[in-house]
Amino acid sequence: MNTNKNKFMCESVRLCRFLYGLGFDKESIQQDNREKWLFDRSPELQESLDFYFLMRKKLRDKQERMNNEENKICVQSVRETI
């Protein structure tokens, strides 16, 4: 286990690639037979993490609203045909 508090351990491939794609330096380690990436903690890293999770939540909420609207339309058209 990494006890260095100055490192952020990333296990999600999508998040790791996002951070690496932004130009953050990584260190690869093997833990429990899985590769994990470590990134140096910084205000910029935290800002990137905040943005990543904010956008994921925003897009999931938008998709949920769209699905709810589609369900309402389907229910209305079923009621109209009855």
N, C-alpha and C. Protein backbone atom coordinates (compact mmCIF):
# COMPACT_ATOMS: atom_id res chain seq x y z
N MET A 1 0.83 -1.19 0.00
CA MET A 1 0.00 0.00 0.00
C MET A 1 0.87 1.24 0.00
N ASN A 2 0.48 2.22 -0.78
CA ASN A 2 1.22 3.46 -0.86
C ASN A 2 0.87 4.35 0.33
N THR A 3 1.87 4.68 1.13
CA THR A 3 1.61 5.52 2.29
C THR A 3 2.02 6.96 2.05
N ASN A 4 2.50 7.27 0.85
CA ASN A 4 2.92 8.62 0.52
C ASN A 4 1.70 9.48 0.27
N LYS A 5 1.46 10.45 1.16
CA LYS A 5 0.27 11.29 1.06
C LYS A 5 0.40 12.34 -0.05
N ASN A 6 1.59 12.47 -0.64
CA ASN A 6 1.80 13.44 -1.71
C ASN A 6 1.49 12.85 -3.08
N LYS A 7 0.97 11.62 -3.09
CA LYS A 7 0.63 10.94 -4.35
C LYS A 7 -0.86 10.61 -4.37
N PHE A 8 -1.44 10.70 -5.55
CA PHE A 8 -2.82 10.28 -5.78
C PHE A 8 -2.77 8.96 -6.53
N MET A 9 -3.36 7.91 -5.95
CA MET A 9 -3.37 6.60 -6.60
C MET A 9 -4.62 6.49 -7.46
N CYS A 10 -4.41 6.24 -8.72
CA CYS A 10 -5.50 6.14 -9.68
C CYS A 10 -5.66 4.69 -10.11
N GLU A 11 -6.89 4.18 -10.00
CA GLU A 11 -7.16 2.80 -10.39
C GLU A 11 -8.06 2.72 -11.62
N SER A 12 -8.81 3.78 -11.90
CA SER A 12 -9.72 3.81 -13.04
C SER A 12 -8.93 4.11 -14.31
N VAL A 13 -9.01 3.22 -15.29
CA VAL A 13 -8.27 3.41 -16.53
C VAL A 13 -8.69 4.71 -17.20
N ARG A 14 -9.99 4.98 -17.23
CA ARG A 14 -10.49 6.19 -17.87
C ARG A 14 -9.93 7.44 -17.19
N LEU A 15 -9.96 7.47 -15.87
CA LEU A 15 -9.45 8.63 -15.13
C LEU A 15 -7.94 8.74 -15.30
N CYS A 16 -7.23 7.63 -15.24
CA CYS A 16 -5.78 7.66 -15.42
C CYS A 16 -5.40 8.24 -16.77
N ARG A 17 -6.09 7.79 -17.81
CA ARG A 17 -5.79 8.30 -19.16
C ARG A 17 -6.13 9.77 -19.28
N PHE A 18 -7.23 10.20 -18.64
CA PHE A 18 -7.61 11.61 -18.65
C PHE A 18 -6.49 12.45 -18.04
N LEU A 19 -6.03 12.06 -16.86
CA LEU A 19 -4.98 12.82 -16.17
C LEU A 19 -3.68 12.81 -16.96
N TYR A 20 -3.31 11.64 -17.48
CA TYR A 20 -2.07 11.53 -18.25
C TYR A 20 -2.17 12.36 -19.52
N GLY A 21 -3.36 12.35 -20.13
CA GLY A 21 -3.58 13.14 -21.34
C GLY A 21 -3.48 14.64 -21.10
N LEU A 22 -3.76 15.07 -19.88
CA LEU A 22 -3.62 16.48 -19.53
C LEU A 22 -2.16 16.87 -19.28
N GLY A 23 -1.28 15.87 -19.24
CA GLY A 23 0.14 16.16 -19.09
C GLY A 23 0.71 15.90 -17.71
N PHE A 24 -0.08 15.29 -16.82
CA PHE A 24 0.45 14.98 -15.50
C PHE A 24 1.39 13.78 -15.59
N ASP A 25 2.53 13.87 -14.90
CA ASP A 25 3.48 12.77 -14.87
C ASP A 25 2.94 11.65 -14.01
N LYS A 26 3.19 10.42 -14.42
CA LYS A 26 2.70 9.26 -13.68
C LYS A 26 3.84 8.34 -13.30
N GLU A 27 3.56 7.57 -12.29
CA GLU A 27 4.46 6.49 -11.86
C GLU A 27 3.60 5.24 -11.80
N SER A 28 4.02 4.17 -12.44
CA SER A 28 3.26 2.93 -12.45
C SER A 28 3.73 2.01 -11.34
N ILE A 29 2.78 1.38 -10.65
CA ILE A 29 3.10 0.39 -9.64
C ILE A 29 2.20 -0.83 -9.85
N GLN A 30 2.61 -1.96 -9.32
CA GLN A 30 1.80 -3.17 -9.33
C GLN A 30 1.31 -3.41 -7.91
N GLN A 31 0.00 -3.57 -7.78
CA GLN A 31 -0.59 -3.83 -6.47
C GLN A 31 -1.74 -4.80 -6.68
N ASP A 32 -1.73 -5.90 -5.96
CA ASP A 32 -2.77 -6.93 -6.09
C ASP A 32 -2.87 -7.41 -7.55
N ASN A 33 -1.73 -7.57 -8.19
CA ASN A 33 -1.65 -8.03 -9.59
C ASN A 33 -2.35 -7.10 -10.56
N ARG A 34 -2.49 -5.84 -10.20
CA ARG A 34 -3.09 -4.83 -11.09
C ARG A 34 -2.16 -3.63 -11.15
N GLU A 35 -2.12 -3.03 -12.33
CA GLU A 35 -1.33 -1.81 -12.48
C GLU A 35 -2.13 -0.62 -11.97
N LYS A 36 -1.47 0.21 -11.20
CA LYS A 36 -2.08 1.44 -10.71
C LYS A 36 -1.11 2.57 -10.99
N TRP A 37 -1.65 3.73 -11.24
CA TRP A 37 -0.82 4.88 -11.54
C TRP A 37 -0.84 5.85 -10.38
N LEU A 38 0.33 6.42 -10.09
CA LEU A 38 0.45 7.43 -9.05
C LEU A 38 0.74 8.77 -9.70
N PHE A 39 0.05 9.79 -9.24
CA PHE A 39 0.26 11.15 -9.72
C PHE A 39 0.62 12.02 -8.53
N ASP A 40 1.52 12.98 -8.76
CA ASP A 40 1.87 13.93 -7.70
C ASP A 40 0.67 14.82 -7.40
N ARG A 41 0.35 14.94 -6.11
CA ARG A 41 -0.76 15.82 -5.71
C ARG A 41 -0.33 17.28 -5.91
N SER A 42 -1.27 18.06 -6.42
CA SER A 42 -1.04 19.49 -6.62
C SER A 42 -2.40 20.16 -6.76
N PRO A 43 -2.44 21.48 -6.64
CA PRO A 43 -3.71 22.19 -6.86
C PRO A 43 -4.26 21.94 -8.28
N GLU A 44 -3.37 21.83 -9.26
CA GLU A 44 -3.80 21.58 -10.64
C GLU A 44 -4.41 20.19 -10.78
N LEU A 45 -3.82 19.21 -10.11
CA LEU A 45 -4.38 17.85 -10.15
C LEU A 45 -5.76 17.85 -9.51
N GLN A 46 -5.90 18.51 -8.38
CA GLN A 46 -7.20 18.56 -7.70
C GLN A 46 -8.24 19.25 -8.56
N GLU A 47 -7.86 20.31 -9.24
CA GLU A 47 -8.77 21.02 -10.13
C GLU A 47 -9.21 20.11 -11.27
N SER A 48 -8.28 19.33 -11.80
CA SER A 48 -8.60 18.39 -12.87
C SER A 48 -9.53 17.29 -12.39
N LEU A 49 -9.29 16.78 -11.20
CA LEU A 49 -10.18 15.76 -10.62
C LEU A 49 -11.57 16.32 -10.39
N ASP A 50 -11.65 17.53 -9.85
CA ASP A 50 -12.95 18.16 -9.62
C ASP A 50 -13.71 18.30 -10.94
N PHE A 51 -13.03 18.75 -11.99
CA PHE A 51 -13.66 18.91 -13.29
C PHE A 51 -14.13 17.57 -13.83
N TYR A 52 -13.29 16.55 -13.73
CA TYR A 52 -13.62 15.21 -14.24
C TYR A 52 -14.91 14.70 -13.59
N PHE A 53 -14.97 14.76 -12.27
CA PHE A 53 -16.13 14.20 -11.57
C PHE A 53 -17.37 15.09 -11.73
N LEU A 54 -17.18 16.40 -11.82
CA LEU A 54 -18.30 17.31 -12.06
C LEU A 54 -18.93 17.02 -13.42
N MET A 55 -18.11 16.88 -14.45
CA MET A 55 -18.64 16.62 -15.79
C MET A 55 -19.29 15.25 -15.89
N ARG A 56 -18.71 14.25 -15.25
CA ARG A 56 -19.34 12.92 -15.28
C ARG A 56 -20.72 12.96 -14.63
N LYS A 57 -20.82 13.66 -13.50
CA LYS A 57 -22.12 13.78 -12.82
C LYS A 57 -23.10 14.55 -13.68
N LYS A 58 -22.64 15.65 -14.27
CA LYS A 58 -23.50 16.48 -15.10
C LYS A 58 -24.03 15.68 -16.30
N LEU A 59 -23.16 14.93 -16.96
CA LEU A 59 -23.57 14.14 -18.12
C LEU A 59 -24.50 12.99 -17.73
N ARG A 60 -24.24 12.37 -16.58
CA ARG A 60 -25.13 11.30 -16.12
C ARG A 60 -26.51 11.85 -15.78
N ASP A 61 -26.55 13.01 -15.12
CA ASP A 61 -27.83 13.64 -14.78
C ASP A 61 -28.59 14.00 -16.06
N LYS A 62 -27.88 14.52 -17.05
CA LYS A 62 -28.51 14.88 -18.32
C LYS A 62 -29.09 13.65 -18.99
N GLN A 63 -28.32 12.56 -19.01
CA GLN A 63 -28.79 11.31 -19.62
C GLN A 63 -30.01 10.77 -18.89
N GLU A 64 -30.01 10.87 -17.57
CA GLU A 64 -31.15 10.41 -16.77
C GLU A 64 -32.40 11.24 -17.08
N ARG A 65 -32.23 12.56 -17.21
CA ARG A 65 -33.37 13.42 -17.56
C ARG A 65 -33.91 13.07 -18.95
N MET A 66 -33.01 12.81 -19.89
CA MET A 66 -33.43 12.44 -21.24
C MET A 66 -34.19 11.12 -21.23
N ASN A 67 -33.69 10.16 -20.46
CA ASN A 67 -34.38 8.87 -20.36
C ASN A 67 -35.75 9.03 -19.73
N ASN A 68 -35.86 9.87 -18.70
CA ASN A 68 -37.16 10.12 -18.07
C ASN A 68 -38.13 10.76 -19.05
N GLU A 69 -37.65 11.71 -19.85
CA GLU A 69 -38.51 12.35 -20.85
C GLU A 69 -38.97 11.34 -21.89
N GLU A 70 -38.06 10.47 -22.34
CA GLU A 70 -38.43 9.44 -23.32
C GLU A 70 -39.49 8.50 -22.74
N ASN A 71 -39.34 8.15 -21.47
CA ASN A 71 -40.33 7.27 -20.83
C ASN A 71 -41.68 7.95 -20.74
N LYS A 72 -41.71 9.25 -20.43
CA LYS A 72 -42.98 9.99 -20.36
C LYS A 72 -43.65 10.01 -21.73
N ILE A 73 -42.87 10.23 -22.79
CA ILE A 73 -43.42 10.26 -24.14
C ILE A 73 -43.99 8.90 -24.52
N CYS A 74 -43.27 7.83 -24.18
CA CYS A 74 -43.74 6.47 -24.48
C CYS A 74 -45.05 6.18 -23.75
N VAL A 75 -45.13 6.56 -22.49
CA VAL A 75 -46.35 6.31 -21.68
C VAL A 75 -47.50 7.11 -22.27
N GLN A 76 -47.25 8.34 -22.65
CA GLN A 76 -48.32 9.18 -23.24
C GLN A 76 -48.83 8.58 -24.54
N SER A 77 -47.92 8.13 -25.41
CA SER A 77 -48.38 7.57 -26.68
C SER A 77 -49.11 6.26 -26.49
N VAL A 78 -48.75 5.48 -25.48
CA VAL A 78 -49.47 4.24 -25.18
C VAL A 78 -50.87 4.58 -24.70
N ARG A 79 -50.97 5.58 -23.85
CA ARG A 79 -52.29 6.00 -23.34
C ARG A 79 -53.17 6.53 -24.47
N GLU A 80 -52.57 7.22 -25.41
CA GLU A 80 -53.35 7.76 -26.52
C GLU A 80 -53.87 6.67 -27.46
N THR A 81 -53.14 5.56 -27.55
CA THR A 81 -53.55 4.49 -28.44
C THR A 81 -54.60 3.60 -27.81
N ILE A 82 -54.75 3.68 -26.49
CA ILE A 82 -55.72 2.82 -25.79
C ILE A 82 -57.10 3.38 -25.86
